[in-house]
Amino acid sequence: MTPSFRAIAFSGSLRNGSSNTALVRMAQRLAPPELHIEIIDWVHELPWMNPDLETDPPEPVQRWWNALREADALIVGMPEYNWNPTPLAKNALDWATRPPDDRAINGTAVAFLSSAGRAGGANSQGNIGTILGYMGAIVVDEPPVRLSLVADRINADGTTDDPEIEAAVSAKLDAVVAALHARPS
């Protein structure tokens, strides 16, 4: 089956061996046939969000906006540091909501995959999901992927021996496809 939908994905972590990066790789591997996932590994090249740059955006910003506009969905490996998204993730998502008159993320289905401490990333997903919804994204909250203390059960290449982790990621991807089928034409 030829994929019907295109997603881009990135990890909000720069750490080698990040379990959130591993979740993004797992999502790419487990994507249902209808969904092609391309991993964007260059979001760290985005300058800090600055509205002064919008009129003549630097090349990484324009490339990010183009990637978002060409995608149906965005999958984010969302770590949680001090109850918040990482600066890397927040910066990429802030740029996604720009420019105000033509937001790159408008109409895009957004899903978070988190591997974090005891709360499993719930705090980092909550506020940013609400904000993205206000900005025109279709936030796919259910089923949540908020994995608590599982970093030692996910390999850096996105594989695991834990069927519950794979089942959680697969269920989220199925929900993304369902949200894409349900979005208004």
C-alpha atoms as a PDB file:
ATOM      1  CA  MET A   1       0.000   0.000   0.000  1.00  0.00           C
ATOM      2  CA  THR A   2       1.327   3.432  -0.902  1.00  0.00           C
ATOM      3  CA  PRO A   3       1.341   5.743   2.108  1.00  0.00           C
ATOM      4  CA  SER A   4      -1.588   8.134   2.053  1.00  0.00           C
ATOM      5  CA  PHE A   5      -0.122  10.482   4.626  1.00  0.00           C
ATOM      6  CA  ARG A   6       3.282  11.988   5.233  1.00  0.00           C
ATOM      7  CA  ALA A   7       4.631  12.770   8.691  1.00  0.00           C
ATOM      8  CA  ILE A   8       7.799  14.408   9.843  1.00  0.00           C
ATOM      9  CA  ALA A   9       9.286  13.600  13.212  1.00  0.00           C
ATOM     10  CA  PHE A  10      11.957  15.008  15.475  1.00  0.00           C
ATOM     11  CA  SER A  11      13.326  14.436  18.931  1.00  0.00           C
ATOM     12  CA  GLY A  12      13.458  17.222  21.472  1.00  0.00           C
ATOM     13  CA  SER A  13      16.640  15.735  22.885  1.00  0.00           C
ATOM     14  CA  LEU A  14      20.226  16.268  21.803  1.00  0.00           C
ATOM     15  CA  ARG A  15      21.501  13.566  24.154  1.00  0.00           C
ATOM     16  CA  ASN A  16      23.310  10.569  22.672  1.00  0.00           C
ATOM     17  CA  GLY A  17      21.268   7.465  23.380  1.00  0.00           C
ATOM     18  CA  SER A  18      18.124   9.475  24.136  1.00  0.00           C
ATOM     19  CA  SER A  19      15.075   7.285  24.733  1.00  0.00           C
ATOM     20  CA  ASN A  20      12.931  10.010  23.147  1.00  0.00           C
ATOM     21  CA  THR A  21      15.011   9.860  19.968  1.00  0.00           C
ATOM     22  CA  ALA A  22      14.633   6.077  20.157  1.00  0.00           C
ATOM     23  CA  LEU A  23      10.832   6.499  20.340  1.00  0.00           C
ATOM     24  CA  VAL A  24      10.909   8.590  17.146  1.00  0.00           C
ATOM     25  CA  ARG A  25      12.929   5.863  15.423  1.00  0.00           C
ATOM     26  CA  MET A  26      10.492   3.264  16.739  1.00  0.00           C
ATOM     27  CA  ALA A  27       7.579   5.271  15.333  1.00  0.00           C
ATOM     28  CA  GLN A  28       9.245   5.341  11.933  1.00  0.00           C
ATOM     29  CA  ARG A  29       9.743   1.575  12.062  1.00  0.00           C
ATOM     30  CA  LEU A  30       6.215   0.806  13.313  1.00  0.00           C
ATOM     31  CA  ALA A  31       4.332   3.273  11.109  1.00  0.00           C
ATOM     32  CA  PRO A  32       1.177   1.793   9.612  1.00  0.00           C
ATOM     33  CA  PRO A  33       1.248   1.367   5.814  1.00  0.00           C
ATOM     34  CA  GLU A  34      -0.790   4.546   5.329  1.00  0.00           C
ATOM     35  CA  LEU A  35       1.794   6.727   7.071  1.00  0.00           C
ATOM     36  CA  HIS A  36       5.316   7.533   5.894  1.00  0.00           C
ATOM     37  CA  ILE A  37       7.488   9.109   8.619  1.00  0.00           C
ATOM     38  CA  GLU A  38      10.602  11.112   7.783  1.00  0.00           C
ATOM     39  CA  ILE A  39      12.899  11.934  10.686  1.00  0.00           C
ATOM     40  CA  ILE A  40      14.120  15.526  10.758  1.00  0.00           C
ATOM     41  CA  ASP A  41      17.492  15.534  12.487  1.00  0.00           C
ATOM     42  CA  TRP A  42      18.392  19.165  11.958  1.00  0.00           C
ATOM     43  CA  VAL A  43      15.980  21.133  14.200  1.00  0.00           C
ATOM     44  CA  HIS A  44      18.996  22.113  16.313  1.00  0.00           C
ATOM     45  CA  GLU A  45      19.997  24.348  13.367  1.00  0.00           C
ATOM     46  CA  LEU A  46      16.965  26.601  13.925  1.00  0.00           C
ATOM     47  CA  PRO A  47      17.930  29.964  15.409  1.00  0.00           C
ATOM     48  CA  TRP A  48      16.185  31.020  18.602  1.00  0.00           C
ATOM     49  CA  MET A  49      12.656  32.113  17.729  1.00  0.00           C
ATOM     50  CA  ASN A  50      12.676  35.823  16.962  1.00  0.00           C
ATOM     51  CA  PRO A  51       9.827  37.573  15.110  1.00  0.00           C
ATOM     52  CA  ASP A  52      12.376  39.961  13.598  1.00  0.00           C
ATOM     53  CA  LEU A  53      13.598  37.046  11.463  1.00  0.00           C
ATOM     54  CA  GLU A  54      10.175  36.292   9.944  1.00  0.00           C
ATOM     55  CA  THR A  55      10.300  38.814   7.112  1.00  0.00           C
ATOM     56  CA  ASP A  56      13.533  37.326   5.750  1.00  0.00           C
ATOM     57  CA  PRO A  57      13.755  33.916   7.449  1.00  0.00           C
ATOM     58  CA  PRO A  58      17.109  32.161   7.650  1.00  0.00           C
ATOM     59  CA  GLU A  59      17.422  29.006   5.559  1.00  0.00           C
ATOM     60  CA  PRO A  60      16.764  26.540   8.436  1.00  0.00           C
ATOM     61  CA  VAL A  61      13.530  28.369   9.331  1.00  0.00           C
ATOM     62  CA  GLN A  62      12.310  28.352   5.732  1.00  0.00           C
ATOM     63  CA  ARG A  63      13.245  24.664   5.414  1.00  0.00           C
ATOM     64  CA  TRP A  64      11.325  23.918   8.666  1.00  0.00           C
ATOM     65  CA  TRP A  65       8.247  25.801   7.483  1.00  0.00           C
ATOM     66  CA  ASN A  66       8.362  24.002   4.123  1.00  0.00           C
ATOM     67  CA  ALA A  67       8.716  20.592   5.801  1.00  0.00           C
ATOM     68  CA  LEU A  68       5.731  21.317   8.035  1.00  0.00           C
ATOM     69  CA  ARG A  69       3.559  22.587   5.202  1.00  0.00           C
ATOM     70  CA  GLU A  70       4.334  19.486   3.123  1.00  0.00           C
ATOM     71  CA  ALA A  71       3.547  17.125   6.007  1.00  0.00           C
ATOM     72  CA  ASP A  72       0.188  15.917   7.216  1.00  0.00           C
ATOM     73  CA  ALA A  73       1.496  15.114  10.697  1.00  0.00           C
ATOM     74  CA  LEU A  74       4.272  15.932  13.128  1.00  0.00           C
ATOM     75  CA  ILE A  75       5.549  13.338  15.604  1.00  0.00           C
ATOM     76  CA  VAL A  76       7.643  14.724  18.481  1.00  0.00           C
ATOM     77  CA  GLY A  77       9.847  12.747  20.825  1.00  0.00           C
ATOM     78  CA  MET A  78       9.163  14.994  23.811  1.00  0.00           C
ATOM     79  CA  PRO A  79      11.508  14.798  26.795  1.00  0.00           C
ATOM     80  CA  GLU A  80      10.680  16.608  29.975  1.00  0.00           C
ATOM     81  CA  TYR A  81      13.192  18.763  31.829  1.00  0.00           C
ATOM     82  CA  ASN A  82      12.008  20.537  34.965  1.00  0.00           C
ATOM     83  CA  TRP A  83       8.356  19.866  34.087  1.00  0.00           C
ATOM     84  CA  ASN A  84       8.711  21.539  30.673  1.00  0.00           C
ATOM     85  CA  PRO A  85       9.573  20.725  27.074  1.00  0.00           C
ATOM     86  CA  THR A  86      13.263  21.017  26.311  1.00  0.00           C
ATOM     87  CA  PRO A  87      14.403  24.344  24.832  1.00  0.00           C
ATOM     88  CA  LEU A  88      15.131  22.512  21.561  1.00  0.00           C
ATOM     89  CA  ALA A  89      11.567  21.177  21.302  1.00  0.00           C
ATOM     90  CA  LYS A  90       9.970  24.432  22.417  1.00  0.00           C
ATOM     91  CA  ASN A  91      12.002  26.463  19.914  1.00  0.00           C
ATOM     92  CA  ALA A  92      11.082  24.178  16.996  1.00  0.00           C
ATOM     93  CA  LEU A  93       7.413  24.247  17.990  1.00  0.00           C
ATOM     94  CA  ASP A  94       7.450  28.036  18.455  1.00  0.00           C
ATOM     95  CA  TRP A  95       8.807  28.419  14.913  1.00  0.00           C
ATOM     96  CA  ALA A  96       6.068  26.008  13.743  1.00  0.00           C
ATOM     97  CA  THR A  97       3.396  28.477  14.878  1.00  0.00           C
ATOM     98  CA  ARG A  98       4.844  31.266  12.754  1.00  0.00           C
ATOM     99  CA  PRO A  99       4.268  33.453  10.844  1.00  0.00           C
ATOM    100  CA  PRO A 100       1.024  34.576  12.507  1.00  0.00           C
ATOM    101  CA  ASP A 101      -0.849  35.134   9.240  1.00  0.00           C
ATOM    102  CA  ASP A 102       0.140  31.752   7.748  1.00  0.00           C
ATOM    103  CA  ARG A 103       1.148  29.372  10.536  1.00  0.00           C
ATOM    104  CA  ALA A 104       3.198  26.461   9.224  1.00  0.00           C
ATOM    105  CA  ILE A 105       1.546  24.044  11.673  1.00  0.00           C
ATOM    106  CA  ASN A 106      -2.031  24.941  10.787  1.00  0.00           C
ATOM    107  CA  GLY A 107      -4.065  21.780  10.077  1.00  0.00           C
ATOM    108  CA  THR A 108      -1.172  19.459  10.979  1.00  0.00           C
ATOM    109  CA  ALA A 109      -1.847  16.495  13.265  1.00  0.00           C
ATOM    110  CA  VAL A 110       0.638  16.587  16.147  1.00  0.00           C
ATOM    111  CA  ALA A 111       1.479  13.647  18.413  1.00  0.00           C
ATOM    112  CA  PHE A 112       3.907  13.439  21.321  1.00  0.00           C
ATOM    113  CA  LEU A 113       5.890  10.399  22.401  1.00  0.00           C
ATOM    114  CA  SER A 114       7.563  10.818  25.786  1.00  0.00           C
ATOM    115  CA  SER A 115       9.987   8.806  27.825  1.00  0.00           C
ATOM    116  CA  ALA A 116      10.695  10.682  31.023  1.00  0.00           C
ATOM    117  CA  GLY A 117      10.818  10.450  34.790  1.00  0.00           C
ATOM    118  CA  ARG A 118       7.995   9.431  37.077  1.00  0.00           C
ATOM    119  CA  ALA A 119       5.330  11.467  35.242  1.00  0.00           C
ATOM    120  CA  GLY A 120       6.383  10.026  31.885  1.00  0.00           C
ATOM    121  CA  GLY A 121       6.471  13.459  30.249  1.00  0.00           C
ATOM    122  CA  ALA A 122       2.880  14.442  31.039  1.00  0.00           C
ATOM    123  CA  ASN A 123       3.928  17.926  32.130  1.00  0.00           C
ATOM    124  CA  SER A 124       5.910  18.669  28.973  1.00  0.00           C
ATOM    125  CA  GLN A 125       3.043  17.547  26.748  1.00  0.00           C
ATOM    126  CA  GLY A 126       0.190  19.365  28.497  1.00  0.00           C
ATOM    127  CA  ASN A 127       0.797  23.062  27.996  1.00  0.00           C
ATOM    128  CA  ILE A 128       2.491  22.786  24.626  1.00  0.00           C
ATOM    129  CA  GLY A 129      -0.370  20.658  23.293  1.00  0.00           C
ATOM    130  CA  THR A 130      -2.911  23.257  24.393  1.00  0.00           C
ATOM    131  CA  ILE A 131      -0.920  26.056  22.769  1.00  0.00           C
ATOM    132  CA  LEU A 132      -0.523  24.162  19.486  1.00  0.00           C
ATOM    133  CA  GLY A 133      -4.271  23.471  19.435  1.00  0.00           C
ATOM    134  CA  TYR A 134      -4.967  27.203  19.764  1.00  0.00           C
ATOM    135  CA  MET A 135      -2.556  27.797  16.902  1.00  0.00           C
ATOM    136  CA  GLY A 136      -4.451  25.532  14.482  1.00  0.00           C
ATOM    137  CA  ALA A 137      -2.796  22.137  14.957  1.00  0.00           C
ATOM    138  CA  ILE A 138      -4.813  18.962  15.439  1.00  0.00           C
ATOM    139  CA  VAL A 139      -3.326  17.618  18.672  1.00  0.00           C
ATOM    140  CA  VAL A 140      -3.678  13.848  19.034  1.00  0.00           C
ATOM    141  CA  ASP A 141      -3.728  13.417  22.826  1.00  0.00           C
ATOM    142  CA  GLU A 142      -5.221   9.934  23.048  1.00  0.00           C
ATOM    143  CA  PRO A 143      -3.929   7.422  23.628  1.00  0.00           C
ATOM    144  CA  PRO A 144      -1.087   9.080  25.511  1.00  0.00           C
ATOM    145  CA  VAL A 145       2.486   7.856  25.173  1.00  0.00           C
ATOM    146  CA  ARG A 146       3.971   8.931  28.487  1.00  0.00           C
ATOM    147  CA  LEU A 147       6.423   6.244  29.424  1.00  0.00           C
ATOM    148  CA  SER A 148       7.770   6.444  32.945  1.00  0.00           C
ATOM    149  CA  LEU A 149      11.304   5.300  33.710  1.00  0.00           C
ATOM    150  CA  VAL A 150      11.700   3.081  30.624  1.00  0.00           C
ATOM    151  CA  ALA A 151      14.973   4.406  29.161  1.00  0.00           C
ATOM    152  CA  ASP A 152      16.740   1.145  29.998  1.00  0.00           C
ATOM    153  CA  ARG A 153      14.107  -0.799  28.007  1.00  0.00           C
ATOM    154  CA  ILE A 154      14.449   1.112  24.715  1.00  0.00           C
ATOM    155  CA  ASN A 155      17.493   0.727  22.497  1.00  0.00           C
ATOM    156  CA  ALA A 156      18.969   3.772  20.748  1.00  0.00           C
ATOM    157  CA  ASP A 157      17.957   2.339  17.352  1.00  0.00           C
ATOM    158  CA  GLY A 158      14.278   2.323  18.353  1.00  0.00           C
ATOM    159  CA  THR A 159      13.969  -1.363  19.140  1.00  0.00           C
ATOM    160  CA  THR A 160      12.788  -2.927  22.371  1.00  0.00           C
ATOM    161  CA  ASP A 161      11.992  -6.284  23.887  1.00  0.00           C
ATOM    162  CA  ASP A 162       9.034  -4.704  25.683  1.00  0.00           C
ATOM    163  CA  PRO A 163       5.821  -5.329  23.705  1.00  0.00           C
ATOM    164  CA  GLU A 164       3.929  -2.763  25.822  1.00  0.00           C
ATOM    165  CA  ILE A 165       6.167   0.062  24.575  1.00  0.00           C
ATOM    166  CA  GLU A 166       5.682  -0.979  20.943  1.00  0.00           C
ATOM    167  CA  ALA A 167       1.941  -1.330  21.507  1.00  0.00           C
ATOM    168  CA  ALA A 168       1.743   2.194  22.967  1.00  0.00           C
ATOM    169  CA  VAL A 169       3.618   3.728  20.033  1.00  0.00           C
ATOM    170  CA  SER A 170       1.588   1.743  17.481  1.00  0.00           C
ATOM    171  CA  ALA A 171      -1.687   2.816  19.098  1.00  0.00           C
ATOM    172  CA  LYS A 172      -0.597   6.469  18.946  1.00  0.00           C
ATOM    173  CA  LEU A 173       0.295   6.146  15.265  1.00  0.00           C
ATOM    174  CA  ASP A 174      -3.084   4.524  14.541  1.00  0.00           C
ATOM    175  CA  ALA A 175      -4.724   7.485  16.300  1.00  0.00           C
ATOM    176  CA  VAL A 176      -2.726   9.903  14.126  1.00  0.00           C
ATOM    177  CA  VAL A 177      -3.956   8.158  10.972  1.00  0.00           C
ATOM    178  CA  ALA A 178      -7.544   8.223  12.289  1.00  0.00           C
ATOM    179  CA  ALA A 179      -7.234  11.954  13.049  1.00  0.00           C
ATOM    180  CA  LEU A 180      -5.927  12.573   9.537  1.00  0.00           C
ATOM    181  CA  HIS A 181      -8.860  10.700   8.008  1.00  0.00           C
ATOM    182  CA  ALA A 182     -11.262  12.716  10.192  1.00  0.00           C
ATOM    183  CA  ARG A 183      -9.831  16.170   9.534  1.00  0.00           C
ATOM    184  CA  PRO A 184     -11.932  18.515   7.448  1.00  0.00           C
ATOM    185  CA  SER A 185     -11.085  18.654   3.755  1.00  0.00           C
END
